């Protein structure tokens, strides 16, 4: 949402289309956490409504977020487009001879609430078999809590921290 204000300004000043791309839906996320006060949530909803009202198109990362903004803000279907986060497999591909390791799950990204790695750890804890393991590449404010959760649930986990972003 932070970058949206520049888009609204450009639309008004230059008459160019404004497309809002959301990595996640802010108000839906904050309501899920339940840690913000009424005034904060009121302001967040006003800001989101303004962005969605001015947008010519809105890109959302999933059907839940699409349904949320449609219901909460009355955004018409034709304005909302769902995209899937993806990886360029021509640029990022496994090295020759690399084989999958059964039971190994790898995640790469920021260790923050919005990424919901707590859900992944709980899901792995429920998988059958004792050979499952999680490899976590990334840093963030939730690392200690995620390490503690994995230990408590008995999920074999390796935290590697941040690695250089080079190809």
Foldseek 3Di string as FASTA:
>chain_A
DVVLVVQLVCCVPPVDAREAEDPAQVLVLCVVVVPDDPVVSVVSLVVVLVSLVSHQAYEHADDVRVVVCCVVNVRDPVRYDHDHDDDDCVVDDDDPPDDDDPQEAEDEDEPDVVVPVVVVLVVSLPDDDDPHAYEYEEYYDCVVVSVVSNVVSVHHYHYDYYDDPDD
